[in-house]
Amino acid sequence: MKPPSMNPMQYLPSDSLVLSIYDMTNVKKSSLIDMIMVQVISITLGAFLMIAFNANDMKQTELTYSMAILFTSLLMTGAVYRRLSDRG
């Protein structure tokens, strides 16, 4: 006699699994964009403060990376603001 196969998916109720994934991914866009905006602004502010108060002590490569982070975060801020203005 062959033992029953041990498939872990047979023990998961598929309906509740699908509903839980749907609930996790169905976040209101306003709260998601607001959370992203807070993170982008904090990266921008942190990079600016790091350059403003520590630029004299930085090596050239460190300053270049910091400037790249600042520039990228400013571009991301503009993209998020554009997304907010499109939403109305």
PDB file of N, CA and C in Angstrom:
ATOM      1  N   MET A   1       0.816  -1.170   0.000  1.00  0.00           N
ATOM      2  CA  MET A   1       0.000   0.000   0.000  1.00  0.00           C
ATOM      3  C   MET A   1       0.872   1.251   0.000  1.00  0.00           C
ATOM      4  N   LYS A   2       0.509   2.222  -0.816  1.00  0.00           N
ATOM      5  CA  LYS A   2       1.269   3.450  -0.945  1.00  0.00           C
ATOM      6  C   LYS A   2       0.779   4.473   0.089  1.00  0.00           C
ATOM      7  N   PRO A   3       1.725   5.118   0.807  1.00  0.00           N
ATOM      8  CA  PRO A   3       1.290   6.137   1.783  1.00  0.00           C
ATOM      9  C   PRO A   3       0.747   7.368   1.057  1.00  0.00           C
ATOM     10  N   PRO A   4      -0.149   8.096   1.708  1.00  0.00           N
ATOM     11  CA  PRO A   4      -0.703   9.295   1.066  1.00  0.00           C
ATOM     12  C   PRO A   4       0.403  10.341   0.873  1.00  0.00           C
ATOM     13  N   SER A   5       0.293  11.065  -0.194  1.00  0.00           N
ATOM     14  CA  SER A   5       1.318  12.079  -0.484  1.00  0.00           C
ATOM     15  C   SER A   5       1.209  13.228   0.519  1.00  0.00           C
ATOM     16  N   MET A   6       2.359  13.774   0.838  1.00  0.00           N
ATOM     17  CA  MET A   6       2.416  14.868   1.806  1.00  0.00           C
ATOM     18  C   MET A   6       2.540  16.189   1.053  1.00  0.00           C
ATOM     19  N   ASN A   7       1.458  16.724   0.632  1.00  0.00           N
ATOM     20  CA  ASN A   7       1.430  18.007  -0.056  1.00  0.00           C
ATOM     21  C   ASN A   7       1.003  19.076   0.944  1.00  0.00           C
ATOM     22  N   PRO A   8       1.874  20.059   1.235  1.00  0.00           N
ATOM     23  CA  PRO A   8       1.503  21.058   2.238  1.00  0.00           C
ATOM     24  C   PRO A   8       0.347  21.942   1.793  1.00  0.00           C
ATOM     25  N   MET A   9       0.119  22.058   0.490  1.00  0.00           N
ATOM     26  CA  MET A   9      -0.964  22.916   0.018  1.00  0.00           C
ATOM     27  C   MET A   9      -2.347  22.317   0.299  1.00  0.00           C
ATOM     28  N   GLN A  10      -2.414  21.033   0.552  1.00  0.00           N
ATOM     29  CA  GLN A  10      -3.714  20.427   0.820  1.00  0.00           C
ATOM     30  C   GLN A  10      -4.231  20.813   2.199  1.00  0.00           C
ATOM     31  N   TYR A  11      -3.361  21.264   3.083  1.00  0.00           N
ATOM     32  CA  TYR A  11      -3.777  21.651   4.423  1.00  0.00           C
ATOM     33  C   TYR A  11      -4.130  23.132   4.520  1.00  0.00           C
ATOM     34  N   LEU A  12      -3.777  23.925   3.496  1.00  0.00           N
ATOM     35  CA  LEU A  12      -4.098  25.342   3.502  1.00  0.00           C
ATOM     36  C   LEU A  12      -5.442  25.572   2.840  1.00  0.00           C
ATOM     37  N   PRO A  13      -6.317  26.277   3.505  1.00  0.00           N
ATOM     38  CA  PRO A  13      -7.574  26.623   2.829  1.00  0.00           C
ATOM     39  C   PRO A  13      -7.289  27.673   1.766  1.00  0.00           C
ATOM     40  N   SER A  14      -7.482  27.331   0.529  1.00  0.00           N
ATOM     41  CA  SER A  14      -7.082  28.212  -0.569  1.00  0.00           C
ATOM     42  C   SER A  14      -7.902  29.492  -0.610  1.00  0.00           C
ATOM     43  N   ASP A  15      -9.160  29.431  -0.221  1.00  0.00           N
ATOM     44  CA  ASP A  15      -9.982  30.644  -0.256  1.00  0.00           C
ATOM     45  C   ASP A  15      -9.458  31.699   0.710  1.00  0.00           C
ATOM     46  N   SER A  16      -9.147  31.295   1.921  1.00  0.00           N
ATOM     47  CA  SER A  16      -8.663  32.274   2.886  1.00  0.00           C
ATOM     48  C   SER A  16      -7.266  32.755   2.528  1.00  0.00           C
ATOM     49  N   LEU A  17      -6.456  31.916   1.912  1.00  0.00           N
ATOM     50  CA  LEU A  17      -5.123  32.331   1.484  1.00  0.00           C
ATOM     51  C   LEU A  17      -5.226  33.399   0.402  1.00  0.00           C
ATOM     52  N   VAL A  18      -6.092  33.195  -0.554  1.00  0.00           N
ATOM     53  CA  VAL A  18      -6.281  34.173  -1.633  1.00  0.00           C
ATOM     54  C   VAL A  18      -6.846  35.472  -1.076  1.00  0.00           C
ATOM     55  N   LEU A  19      -7.790  35.386  -0.169  1.00  0.00           N
ATOM     56  CA  LEU A  19      -8.365  36.599   0.423  1.00  0.00           C
ATOM     57  C   LEU A  19      -7.347  37.361   1.259  1.00  0.00           C
ATOM     58  N   SER A  20      -6.498  36.656   1.974  1.00  0.00           N
ATOM     59  CA  SER A  20      -5.497  37.347   2.783  1.00  0.00           C
ATOM     60  C   SER A  20      -4.458  38.040   1.914  1.00  0.00           C
ATOM     61  N   ILE A  21      -4.056  37.405   0.811  1.00  0.00           N
ATOM     62  CA  ILE A  21      -3.125  38.052  -0.118  1.00  0.00           C
ATOM     63  C   ILE A  21      -3.789  39.262  -0.752  1.00  0.00           C
ATOM     64  N   TYR A  22      -5.051  39.149  -1.087  1.00  0.00           N
ATOM     65  CA  TYR A  22      -5.776  40.279  -1.670  1.00  0.00           C
ATOM     66  C   TYR A  22      -5.859  41.435  -0.681  1.00  0.00           C
ATOM     67  N   ASP A  23      -6.119  41.139   0.585  1.00  0.00           N
ATOM     68  CA  ASP A  23      -6.198  42.194   1.593  1.00  0.00           C
ATOM     69  C   ASP A  23      -4.850  42.879   1.806  1.00  0.00           C
ATOM     70  N   MET A  24      -3.770  42.125   1.760  1.00  0.00           N
ATOM     71  CA  MET A  24      -2.449  42.727   1.961  1.00  0.00           C
ATOM     72  C   MET A  24      -2.058  43.613   0.791  1.00  0.00           C
ATOM     73  N   THR A  25      -2.447  43.239  -0.405  1.00  0.00           N
ATOM     74  CA  THR A  25      -2.045  44.022  -1.571  1.00  0.00           C
ATOM     75  C   THR A  25      -3.041  45.111  -1.928  1.00  0.00           C
ATOM     76  N   ASN A  26      -4.209  45.110  -1.326  1.00  0.00           N
ATOM     77  CA  ASN A  26      -5.232  46.096  -1.641  1.00  0.00           C
ATOM     78  C   ASN A  26      -5.172  47.246  -0.632  1.00  0.00           C
ATOM     79  N   VAL A  27      -4.018  47.909  -0.578  1.00  0.00           N
ATOM     80  CA  VAL A  27      -3.834  49.036   0.325  1.00  0.00           C
ATOM     81  C   VAL A  27      -4.356  50.277  -0.371  1.00  0.00           C
ATOM     82  N   LYS A  28      -4.968  51.168   0.402  1.00  0.00           N
ATOM     83  CA  LYS A  28      -5.408  52.418  -0.198  1.00  0.00           C
ATOM     84  C   LYS A  28      -4.198  53.165  -0.727  1.00  0.00           C
ATOM     85  N   LYS A  29      -4.313  53.685  -1.915  1.00  0.00           N
ATOM     86  CA  LYS A  29      -3.181  54.351  -2.557  1.00  0.00           C
ATOM     87  C   LYS A  29      -2.741  55.583  -1.791  1.00  0.00           C
ATOM     88  N   SER A  30      -3.642  56.293  -1.165  1.00  0.00           N
ATOM     89  CA  SER A  30      -3.265  57.519  -0.473  1.00  0.00           C
ATOM     90  C   SER A  30      -2.322  57.230   0.688  1.00  0.00           C
ATOM     91  N   SER A  31      -2.611  56.226   1.472  1.00  0.00           N
ATOM     92  CA  SER A  31      -1.742  55.928   2.608  1.00  0.00           C
ATOM     93  C   SER A  31      -0.406  55.367   2.146  1.00  0.00           C
ATOM     94  N   LEU A  32      -0.411  54.598   1.072  1.00  0.00           N
ATOM     95  CA  LEU A  32       0.829  54.041   0.557  1.00  0.00           C
ATOM     96  C   LEU A  32       1.732  55.146   0.011  1.00  0.00           C
ATOM     97  N   ILE A  33       1.178  56.063  -0.741  1.00  0.00           N
ATOM     98  CA  ILE A  33       1.974  57.156  -1.284  1.00  0.00           C
ATOM     99  C   ILE A  33       2.467  58.062  -0.165  1.00  0.00           C
ATOM    100  N   ASP A  34       1.654  58.287   0.848  1.00  0.00           N
ATOM    101  CA  ASP A  34       2.084  59.111   1.982  1.00  0.00           C
ATOM    102  C   ASP A  34       3.254  58.465   2.715  1.00  0.00           C
ATOM    103  N   MET A  35       3.206  57.161   2.899  1.00  0.00           N
ATOM    104  CA  MET A  35       4.318  56.480   3.576  1.00  0.00           C
ATOM    105  C   MET A  35       5.595  56.548   2.742  1.00  0.00           C
ATOM    106  N   ILE A  36       5.462  56.388   1.439  1.00  0.00           N
ATOM    107  CA  ILE A  36       6.629  56.503   0.565  1.00  0.00           C
ATOM    108  C   ILE A  36       7.184  57.919   0.609  1.00  0.00           C
ATOM    109  N   MET A  37       6.303  58.910   0.622  1.00  0.00           N
ATOM    110  CA  MET A  37       6.738  60.305   0.637  1.00  0.00           C
ATOM    111  C   MET A  37       7.517  60.622   1.912  1.00  0.00           C
ATOM    112  N   VAL A  38       7.091  60.113   3.031  1.00  0.00           N
ATOM    113  CA  VAL A  38       7.812  60.342   4.284  1.00  0.00           C
ATOM    114  C   VAL A  38       9.217  59.758   4.211  1.00  0.00           C
ATOM    115  N   GLN A  39       9.345  58.567   3.660  1.00  0.00           N
ATOM    116  CA  GLN A  39      10.663  57.941   3.546  1.00  0.00           C
ATOM    117  C   GLN A  39      11.572  58.707   2.593  1.00  0.00           C
ATOM    118  N   VAL A  40      11.020  59.163   1.477  1.00  0.00           N
ATOM    119  CA  VAL A  40      11.829  59.897   0.497  1.00  0.00           C
ATOM    120  C   VAL A  40      12.283  61.235   1.074  1.00  0.00           C
ATOM    121  N   ILE A  41      11.393  61.928   1.771  1.00  0.00           N
ATOM    122  CA  ILE A  41      11.773  63.206   2.380  1.00  0.00           C
ATOM    123  C   ILE A  41      12.835  62.999   3.441  1.00  0.00           C
ATOM    124  N   SER A  42      12.746  61.934   4.223  1.00  0.00           N
ATOM    125  CA  SER A  42      13.759  61.696   5.249  1.00  0.00           C
ATOM    126  C   SER A  42      15.119  61.367   4.634  1.00  0.00           C
ATOM    127  N   ILE A  43      15.125  60.640   3.506  1.00  0.00           N
ATOM    128  CA  ILE A  43      16.392  60.364   2.817  1.00  0.00           C
ATOM    129  C   ILE A  43      16.985  61.659   2.274  1.00  0.00           C
ATOM    130  N   THR A  44      16.144  62.510   1.694  1.00  0.00           N
ATOM    131  CA  THR A  44      16.613  63.785   1.153  1.00  0.00           C
ATOM    132  C   THR A  44      17.184  64.662   2.251  1.00  0.00           C
ATOM    133  N   LEU A  45      16.468  64.783   3.343  1.00  0.00           N
ATOM    134  CA  LEU A  45      16.931  65.611   4.457  1.00  0.00           C
ATOM    135  C   LEU A  45      18.211  65.052   5.066  1.00  0.00           C
ATOM    136  N   GLY A  46      18.280  63.746   5.221  1.00  0.00           N
ATOM    137  CA  GLY A  46      19.485  63.136   5.774  1.00  0.00           C
ATOM    138  C   GLY A  46      20.700  63.331   4.891  1.00  0.00           C
ATOM    139  N   ALA A  47      20.529  63.165   3.580  1.00  0.00           N
ATOM    140  CA  ALA A  47      21.651  63.367   2.656  1.00  0.00           C
ATOM    141  C   ALA A  47      22.087  64.825   2.646  1.00  0.00           C
ATOM    142  N   PHE A  48      21.130  65.756   2.679  1.00  0.00           N
ATOM    143  CA  PHE A  48      21.484  67.168   2.697  1.00  0.00           C
ATOM    144  C   PHE A  48      22.234  67.540   3.974  1.00  0.00           C
ATOM    145  N   LEU A  49      21.749  67.065   5.108  1.00  0.00           N
ATOM    146  CA  LEU A  49      22.421  67.383   6.375  1.00  0.00           C
ATOM    147  C   LEU A  49      23.806  66.752   6.449  1.00  0.00           C
ATOM    148  N   MET A  50      23.934  65.561   5.907  1.00  0.00           N
ATOM    149  CA  MET A  50      25.234  64.906   5.896  1.00  0.00           C
ATOM    150  C   MET A  50      26.233  65.699   5.054  1.00  0.00           C
ATOM    151  N   ILE A  51      25.785  66.203   3.918  1.00  0.00           N
ATOM    152  CA  ILE A  51      26.671  67.002   3.073  1.00  0.00           C
ATOM    153  C   ILE A  51      26.947  68.359   3.716  1.00  0.00           C
ATOM    154  N   ALA A  52      25.922  68.988   4.274  1.00  0.00           N
ATOM    155  CA  ALA A  52      26.069  70.337   4.832  1.00  0.00           C
ATOM    156  C   ALA A  52      27.017  70.373   6.025  1.00  0.00           C
ATOM    157  N   PHE A  53      26.969  69.365   6.882  1.00  0.00           N
ATOM    158  CA  PHE A  53      27.757  69.412   8.108  1.00  0.00           C
ATOM    159  C   PHE A  53      29.016  68.560   8.077  1.00  0.00           C
ATOM    160  N   ASN A  54      29.189  67.734   7.041  1.00  0.00           N
ATOM    161  CA  ASN A  54      30.318  66.816   7.051  1.00  0.00           C
ATOM    162  C   ASN A  54      31.108  66.835   5.747  1.00  0.00           C
ATOM    163  N   ALA A  55      30.843  67.791   4.866  1.00  0.00           N
ATOM    164  CA  ALA A  55      31.486  67.792   3.554  1.00  0.00           C
ATOM    165  C   ALA A  55      32.986  68.027   3.647  1.00  0.00           C
ATOM    166  N   ASN A  56      33.437  68.824   4.619  1.00  0.00           N
ATOM    167  CA  ASN A  56      34.877  69.114   4.746  1.00  0.00           C
ATOM    168  C   ASN A  56      35.679  67.884   5.138  1.00  0.00           C
ATOM    169  N   ASP A  57      35.069  66.976   5.859  1.00  0.00           N
ATOM    170  CA  ASP A  57      35.778  65.788   6.343  1.00  0.00           C
ATOM    171  C   ASP A  57      35.607  64.576   5.434  1.00  0.00           C
ATOM    172  N   MET A  58      34.818  64.685   4.401  1.00  0.00           N
ATOM    173  CA  MET A  58      34.540  63.547   3.529  1.00  0.00           C
ATOM    174  C   MET A  58      35.612  63.408   2.454  1.00  0.00           C
ATOM    175  N   LYS A  59      35.803  62.155   2.042  1.00  0.00           N
ATOM    176  CA  LYS A  59      36.656  61.900   0.888  1.00  0.00           C
ATOM    177  C   LYS A  59      35.852  62.219  -0.367  1.00  0.00           C
ATOM    178  N   GLN A  60      36.549  62.268  -1.494  1.00  0.00           N
ATOM    179  CA  GLN A  60      35.881  62.624  -2.734  1.00  0.00           C
ATOM    180  C   GLN A  60      34.826  61.603  -3.123  1.00  0.00           C
ATOM    181  N   THR A  61      35.104  60.328  -2.936  1.00  0.00           N
ATOM    182  CA  THR A  61      34.122  59.297  -3.307  1.00  0.00           C
ATOM    183  C   THR A  61      32.903  59.339  -2.390  1.00  0.00           C
ATOM    184  N   GLU A  62      33.131  59.585  -1.101  1.00  0.00           N
ATOM    185  CA  GLU A  62      32.006  59.683  -0.173  1.00  0.00           C
ATOM    186  C   GLU A  62      31.106  60.859  -0.523  1.00  0.00           C
ATOM    187  N   LEU A  63      31.724  61.980  -0.857  1.00  0.00           N
ATOM    188  CA  LEU A  63      30.948  63.159  -1.235  1.00  0.00           C
ATOM    189  C   LEU A  63      30.195  62.921  -2.548  1.00  0.00           C
ATOM    190  N   THR A  64      30.825  62.214  -3.476  1.00  0.00           N
ATOM    191  CA  THR A  64      30.160  61.901  -4.741  1.00  0.00           C
ATOM    192  C   THR A  64      28.947  61.006  -4.510  1.00  0.00           C
ATOM    193  N   TYR A  65      29.106  59.987  -3.684  1.00  0.00           N
ATOM    194  CA  TYR A  65      27.968  59.109  -3.377  1.00  0.00           C
ATOM    195  C   TYR A  65      26.866  59.872  -2.653  1.00  0.00           C
ATOM    196  N   SER A  66      27.236  60.752  -1.738  1.00  0.00           N
ATOM    197  CA  SER A  66      26.233  61.534  -1.015  1.00  0.00           C
ATOM    198  C   SER A  66      25.476  62.464  -1.956  1.00  0.00           C
ATOM    199  N   MET A  67      26.197  63.080  -2.889  1.00  0.00           N
ATOM    200  CA  MET A  67      25.538  63.946  -3.865  1.00  0.00           C
ATOM    201  C   MET A  67      24.610  63.128  -4.774  1.00  0.00           C
ATOM    202  N   ALA A  68      25.031  61.930  -5.139  1.00  0.00           N
ATOM    203  CA  ALA A  68      24.183  61.067  -5.967  1.00  0.00           C
ATOM    204  C   ALA A  68      22.921  60.660  -5.218  1.00  0.00           C
ATOM    205  N   ILE A  69      23.062  60.350  -3.933  1.00  0.00           N
ATOM    206  CA  ILE A  69      21.893  59.996  -3.114  1.00  0.00           C
ATOM    207  C   ILE A  69      20.956  61.189  -3.006  1.00  0.00           C
ATOM    208  N   LEU A  70      21.514  62.379  -2.792  1.00  0.00           N
ATOM    209  CA  LEU A  70      20.689  63.583  -2.691  1.00  0.00           C
ATOM    210  C   LEU A  70      19.960  63.854  -4.003  1.00  0.00           C
ATOM    211  N   PHE A  71      20.655  63.758  -5.120  1.00  0.00           N
ATOM    212  CA  PHE A  71      20.040  64.001  -6.419  1.00  0.00           C
ATOM    213  C   PHE A  71      18.947  62.972  -6.710  1.00  0.00           C
ATOM    214  N   THR A  72      19.227  61.713  -6.438  1.00  0.00           N
ATOM    215  CA  THR A  72      18.241  60.654  -6.674  1.00  0.00           C
ATOM    216  C   THR A  72      17.010  60.834  -5.798  1.00  0.00           C
ATOM    217  N   SER A  73      17.221  61.183  -4.538  1.00  0.00           N
ATOM    218  CA  SER A  73      16.075  61.367  -3.650  1.00  0.00           C
ATOM    219  C   SER A  73      15.253  62.586  -4.057  1.00  0.00           C
ATOM    220  N   LEU A  74      15.890  63.625  -4.585  1.00  0.00           N
ATOM    221  CA  LEU A  74      15.125  64.767  -5.088  1.00  0.00           C
ATOM    222  C   LEU A  74      14.305  64.375  -6.315  1.00  0.00           C
ATOM    223  N   LEU A  75      14.869  63.550  -7.186  1.00  0.00           N
ATOM    224  CA  LEU A  75      14.100  63.057  -8.331  1.00  0.00           C
ATOM    225  C   LEU A  75      12.920  62.202  -7.878  1.00  0.00           C
ATOM    226  N   MET A  76      13.136  61.373  -6.862  1.00  0.00           N
ATOM    227  CA  MET A  76      12.053  60.536  -6.352  1.00  0.00           C
ATOM    228  C   MET A  76      10.972  61.392  -5.703  1.00  0.00           C
ATOM    229  N   THR A  77      11.377  62.474  -5.011  1.00  0.00           N
ATOM    230  CA  THR A  77      10.397  63.377  -4.414  1.00  0.00           C
ATOM    231  C   THR A  77       9.531  64.008  -5.494  1.00  0.00           C
ATOM    232  N   GLY A  78      10.158  64.427  -6.588  1.00  0.00           N
ATOM    233  CA  GLY A  78       9.392  64.987  -7.696  1.00  0.00           C
ATOM    234  C   GLY A  78       8.437  63.983  -8.308  1.00  0.00           C
ATOM    235  N   ALA A  79       8.872  62.733  -8.410  1.00  0.00           N
ATOM    236  CA  ALA A  79       8.001  61.696  -8.970  1.00  0.00           C
ATOM    237  C   ALA A  79       6.805  61.431  -8.068  1.00  0.00           C
ATOM    238  N   VAL A  80       7.028  61.429  -6.759  1.00  0.00           N
ATOM    239  CA  VAL A  80       5.915  61.191  -5.836  1.00  0.00           C
ATOM    240  C   VAL A  80       4.957  62.377  -5.853  1.00  0.00           C
ATOM    241  N   TYR A  81       5.483  63.608  -5.877  1.00  0.00           N
ATOM    242  CA  TYR A  81       4.602  64.766  -5.967  1.00  0.00           C
ATOM    243  C   TYR A  81       3.801  64.766  -7.255  1.00  0.00           C
ATOM    244  N   ARG A  82       4.417  64.334  -8.362  1.00  0.00           N
ATOM    245  CA  ARG A  82       3.688  64.240  -9.619  1.00  0.00           C
ATOM    246  C   ARG A  82       2.558  63.219  -9.490  1.00  0.00           C
ATOM    247  N   ARG A  83       2.843  62.124  -8.830  1.00  0.00           N
ATOM    248  CA  ARG A  83       1.810  61.096  -8.627  1.00  0.00           C
ATOM    249  C   ARG A  83       0.681  61.620  -7.761  1.00  0.00           C
ATOM    250  N   LEU A  84       1.028  62.424  -6.740  1.00  0.00           N
ATOM    251  CA  LEU A  84      -0.004  63.013  -5.887  1.00  0.00           C
ATOM    252  C   LEU A  84      -0.846  64.026  -6.656  1.00  0.00           C
ATOM    253  N   SER A  85      -0.212  64.807  -7.515  1.00  0.00           N
ATOM    254  CA  SER A  85      -0.976  65.803  -8.263  1.00  0.00           C
ATOM    255  C   SER A  85      -1.850  65.154  -9.343  1.00  0.00           C
ATOM    256  N   ASP A  86      -1.405  64.028  -9.895  1.00  0.00           N
ATOM    257  CA  ASP A  86      -2.240  63.317 -10.875  1.00  0.00           C
ATOM    258  C   ASP A  86      -3.493  62.737 -10.225  1.00  0.00           C
ATOM    259  N   ARG A  87      -3.338  62.343  -8.985  1.00  0.00           N
ATOM    260  CA  ARG A  87      -4.458  61.725  -8.269  1.00  0.00           C
ATOM    261  C   ARG A  87      -5.534  62.747  -7.936  1.00  0.00           C
ATOM    262  N   GLY A  88      -5.103  63.978  -7.721  1.00  0.00           N
ATOM    263  CA  GLY A  88      -6.072  65.044  -7.450  1.00  0.00           C
ATOM    264  C   GLY A  88      -6.396  65.136  -6.056  1.00  0.00           C
TER     265      GLY A  88
END
